Amino acid sequence: MMGLEKTTRMNYLFDFYQELLTPKQRSYMELYYLDDHSLGEIAEAYNITRQAVYDNIRRTEAMLEEYEAKLQLFEKFQKRQQLVTAFEKEPFTEERVREFLGQLKEWD
């Protein structure tokens, strides 16, 4: 995964799982991914090395991926978004509504 795709994924995973992180992990991730600060800027703000910031961010990314593998909140969110988009393109028939609700129930 590269660049924008990774950043977008990390932002979503952070949104879903940030409450499971320590305050320091949340702060580093916010500064790096949301505020677009460099490793050097974060290191300077916390008076630590760039390597320490890098290591913390990589460990936190791995934790977020582990949470997603277990809980699948982002995957379910994406499926729901796709289903809603498809549903909006087709007429609202009683059969279609039942199908839509059935698919939503499968994911819970």
C-alpha atoms as a PDB file:
ATOM      1  CA  MET A   1       0.000   0.000   0.000  1.00  0.00           C
ATOM      2  CA  MET A   2       1.435   3.350  -0.955  1.00  0.00           C
ATOM      3  CA  GLY A   3       0.968   7.056  -0.323  1.00  0.00           C
ATOM      4  CA  LEU A   4      -2.547   8.414  -0.359  1.00  0.00           C
ATOM      5  CA  GLU A   5      -4.184   4.985  -0.164  1.00  0.00           C
ATOM      6  CA  LYS A   6      -2.259   4.135   3.005  1.00  0.00           C
ATOM      7  CA  THR A   7      -2.924   7.564   4.518  1.00  0.00           C
ATOM      8  CA  THR A   8      -6.638   7.264   3.817  1.00  0.00           C
ATOM      9  CA  ARG A   9      -6.774   3.766   5.322  1.00  0.00           C
ATOM     10  CA  MET A  10      -4.845   4.837   8.437  1.00  0.00           C
ATOM     11  CA  ASN A  11      -7.135   7.832   8.894  1.00  0.00           C
ATOM     12  CA  TYR A  12     -10.191   5.562   8.775  1.00  0.00           C
ATOM     13  CA  LEU A  13      -8.651   2.994  11.108  1.00  0.00           C
ATOM     14  CA  PHE A  14      -7.650   5.793  13.465  1.00  0.00           C
ATOM     15  CA  ASP A  15     -11.226   7.122  13.424  1.00  0.00           C
ATOM     16  CA  PHE A  16     -12.609   3.712  14.331  1.00  0.00           C
ATOM     17  CA  TYR A  17     -10.026   2.602  16.896  1.00  0.00           C
ATOM     18  CA  GLN A  18      -8.401   5.708  18.384  1.00  0.00           C
ATOM     19  CA  GLU A  19     -10.034   5.148  21.769  1.00  0.00           C
ATOM     20  CA  LEU A  20      -8.006   1.932  22.070  1.00  0.00           C
ATOM     21  CA  LEU A  21      -4.714   3.815  21.771  1.00  0.00           C
ATOM     22  CA  THR A  22      -2.685   5.551  24.450  1.00  0.00           C
ATOM     23  CA  PRO A  23      -2.725   9.354  24.528  1.00  0.00           C
ATOM     24  CA  LYS A  24       0.844   9.435  23.135  1.00  0.00           C
ATOM     25  CA  GLN A  25      -0.052   7.076  20.273  1.00  0.00           C
ATOM     26  CA  ARG A  26      -3.127   9.179  19.462  1.00  0.00           C
ATOM     27  CA  SER A  27      -1.051  12.351  19.507  1.00  0.00           C
ATOM     28  CA  TYR A  28       1.653  10.992  17.191  1.00  0.00           C
ATOM     29  CA  MET A  29      -0.926   9.611  14.761  1.00  0.00           C
ATOM     30  CA  GLU A  30      -2.900  12.859  14.734  1.00  0.00           C
ATOM     31  CA  LEU A  31       0.199  14.926  14.096  1.00  0.00           C
ATOM     32  CA  TYR A  32       1.544  12.597  11.413  1.00  0.00           C
ATOM     33  CA  TYR A  33      -1.606  11.571   9.545  1.00  0.00           C
ATOM     34  CA  LEU A  34      -4.163  14.285  10.234  1.00  0.00           C
ATOM     35  CA  ASP A  35      -1.968  17.370  10.590  1.00  0.00           C
ATOM     36  CA  ASP A  36       0.676  16.190   8.092  1.00  0.00           C
ATOM     37  CA  HIS A  37       3.663  16.911  10.335  1.00  0.00           C
ATOM     38  CA  SER A  38       7.002  15.352   9.486  1.00  0.00           C
ATOM     39  CA  LEU A  39       8.777  12.869  11.734  1.00  0.00           C
ATOM     40  CA  GLY A  40      11.328  15.588  12.490  1.00  0.00           C
ATOM     41  CA  GLU A  41       8.663  18.081  13.532  1.00  0.00           C
ATOM     42  CA  ILE A  42       7.038  15.556  15.856  1.00  0.00           C
ATOM     43  CA  ALA A  43      10.414  14.539  17.283  1.00  0.00           C
ATOM     44  CA  GLU A  44      11.278  18.155  17.969  1.00  0.00           C
ATOM     45  CA  ALA A  45       7.918  18.814  19.669  1.00  0.00           C
ATOM     46  CA  TYR A  46       8.405  15.828  21.985  1.00  0.00           C
ATOM     47  CA  ASN A  47      12.176  16.223  22.356  1.00  0.00           C
ATOM     48  CA  ILE A  48      12.876  12.691  21.118  1.00  0.00           C
ATOM     49  CA  THR A  49      14.560  11.192  18.053  1.00  0.00           C
ATOM     50  CA  ARG A  50      12.974  10.841  14.629  1.00  0.00           C
ATOM     51  CA  GLN A  51      13.596   7.095  14.928  1.00  0.00           C
ATOM     52  CA  ALA A  52      11.567   6.944  18.151  1.00  0.00           C
ATOM     53  CA  VAL A  53       8.657   8.718  16.444  1.00  0.00           C
ATOM     54  CA  TYR A  54       8.953   6.458  13.396  1.00  0.00           C
ATOM     55  CA  ASP A  55       8.988   3.306  15.561  1.00  0.00           C
ATOM     56  CA  ASN A  56       5.993   4.450  17.575  1.00  0.00           C
ATOM     57  CA  ILE A  57       3.963   5.287  14.465  1.00  0.00           C
ATOM     58  CA  ARG A  58       4.814   1.939  12.799  1.00  0.00           C
ATOM     59  CA  ARG A  59       3.857   0.009  15.964  1.00  0.00           C
ATOM     60  CA  THR A  60       0.616   1.978  16.203  1.00  0.00           C
ATOM     61  CA  GLU A  61      -0.184   1.297  12.536  1.00  0.00           C
ATOM     62  CA  ALA A  62       0.348  -2.418  13.175  1.00  0.00           C
ATOM     63  CA  MET A  63      -1.945  -2.247  16.215  1.00  0.00           C
ATOM     64  CA  LEU A  64      -4.656  -0.527  14.170  1.00  0.00           C
ATOM     65  CA  GLU A  65      -4.370  -3.239  11.505  1.00  0.00           C
ATOM     66  CA  GLU A  66      -4.655  -5.926  14.216  1.00  0.00           C
ATOM     67  CA  TYR A  67      -7.780  -4.281  15.642  1.00  0.00           C
ATOM     68  CA  GLU A  68      -9.278  -4.167  12.153  1.00  0.00           C
ATOM     69  CA  ALA A  69      -8.419  -7.829  11.495  1.00  0.00           C
ATOM     70  CA  LYS A  70     -10.277  -8.799  14.663  1.00  0.00           C
ATOM     71  CA  LEU A  71     -13.183  -6.338  14.709  1.00  0.00           C
ATOM     72  CA  GLN A  72     -13.605  -5.466  11.004  1.00  0.00           C
ATOM     73  CA  LEU A  73     -15.329  -2.143  11.685  1.00  0.00           C
ATOM     74  CA  PHE A  74     -13.792  -0.441   8.648  1.00  0.00           C
ATOM     75  CA  GLU A  75     -14.566  -3.369   6.352  1.00  0.00           C
ATOM     76  CA  LYS A  76     -18.217  -3.389   7.492  1.00  0.00           C
ATOM     77  CA  PHE A  77     -18.370   0.380   7.030  1.00  0.00           C
ATOM     78  CA  GLN A  78     -17.085   0.042   3.445  1.00  0.00           C
ATOM     79  CA  LYS A  79     -19.598  -2.719   2.665  1.00  0.00           C
ATOM     80  CA  ARG A  80     -22.440  -0.612   4.045  1.00  0.00           C
ATOM     81  CA  GLN A  81     -21.327   2.365   1.987  1.00  0.00           C
ATOM     82  CA  GLN A  82     -21.260   0.227  -1.166  1.00  0.00           C
ATOM     83  CA  LEU A  83     -24.681  -1.197  -0.360  1.00  0.00           C
ATOM     84  CA  VAL A  84     -26.177   2.247   0.255  1.00  0.00           C
ATOM     85  CA  THR A  85     -24.728   3.531  -3.023  1.00  0.00           C
ATOM     86  CA  ALA A  86     -26.162   0.567  -4.925  1.00  0.00           C
ATOM     87  CA  PHE A  87     -29.497   0.931  -3.139  1.00  0.00           C
ATOM     88  CA  GLU A  88     -29.745   4.613  -4.053  1.00  0.00           C
ATOM     89  CA  LYS A  89     -29.332   3.765  -7.744  1.00  0.00           C
ATOM     90  CA  GLU A  90     -32.262   1.331  -7.848  1.00  0.00           C
ATOM     91  CA  PRO A  91     -35.974   1.834  -7.160  1.00  0.00           C
ATOM     92  CA  PHE A  92     -37.286   1.366  -3.619  1.00  0.00           C
ATOM     93  CA  THR A  93     -39.352  -1.774  -4.028  1.00  0.00           C
ATOM     94  CA  GLU A  94     -40.474  -3.835  -1.041  1.00  0.00           C
ATOM     95  CA  GLU A  95     -38.338  -6.747  -2.263  1.00  0.00           C
ATOM     96  CA  ARG A  96     -35.286  -4.505  -2.636  1.00  0.00           C
ATOM     97  CA  VAL A  97     -35.729  -3.098   0.886  1.00  0.00           C
ATOM     98  CA  ARG A  98     -35.926  -6.636   2.333  1.00  0.00           C
ATOM     99  CA  GLU A  99     -32.767  -7.625   0.438  1.00  0.00           C
ATOM    100  CA  PHE A 100     -30.988  -4.508   1.672  1.00  0.00           C
ATOM    101  CA  LEU A 101     -31.944  -5.159   5.296  1.00  0.00           C
ATOM    102  CA  GLY A 102     -30.981  -8.813   4.996  1.00  0.00           C
ATOM    103  CA  GLN A 103     -27.511  -7.912   3.784  1.00  0.00           C
ATOM    104  CA  LEU A 104     -27.044  -5.448   6.631  1.00  0.00           C
ATOM    105  CA  LYS A 105     -28.012  -8.076   9.199  1.00  0.00           C
ATOM    106  CA  GLU A 106     -25.455 -10.533   7.774  1.00  0.00           C
ATOM    107  CA  TRP A 107     -22.614  -8.180   8.697  1.00  0.00           C
ATOM    108  CA  ASP A 108     -23.466  -7.789  12.380  1.00  0.00           C
END
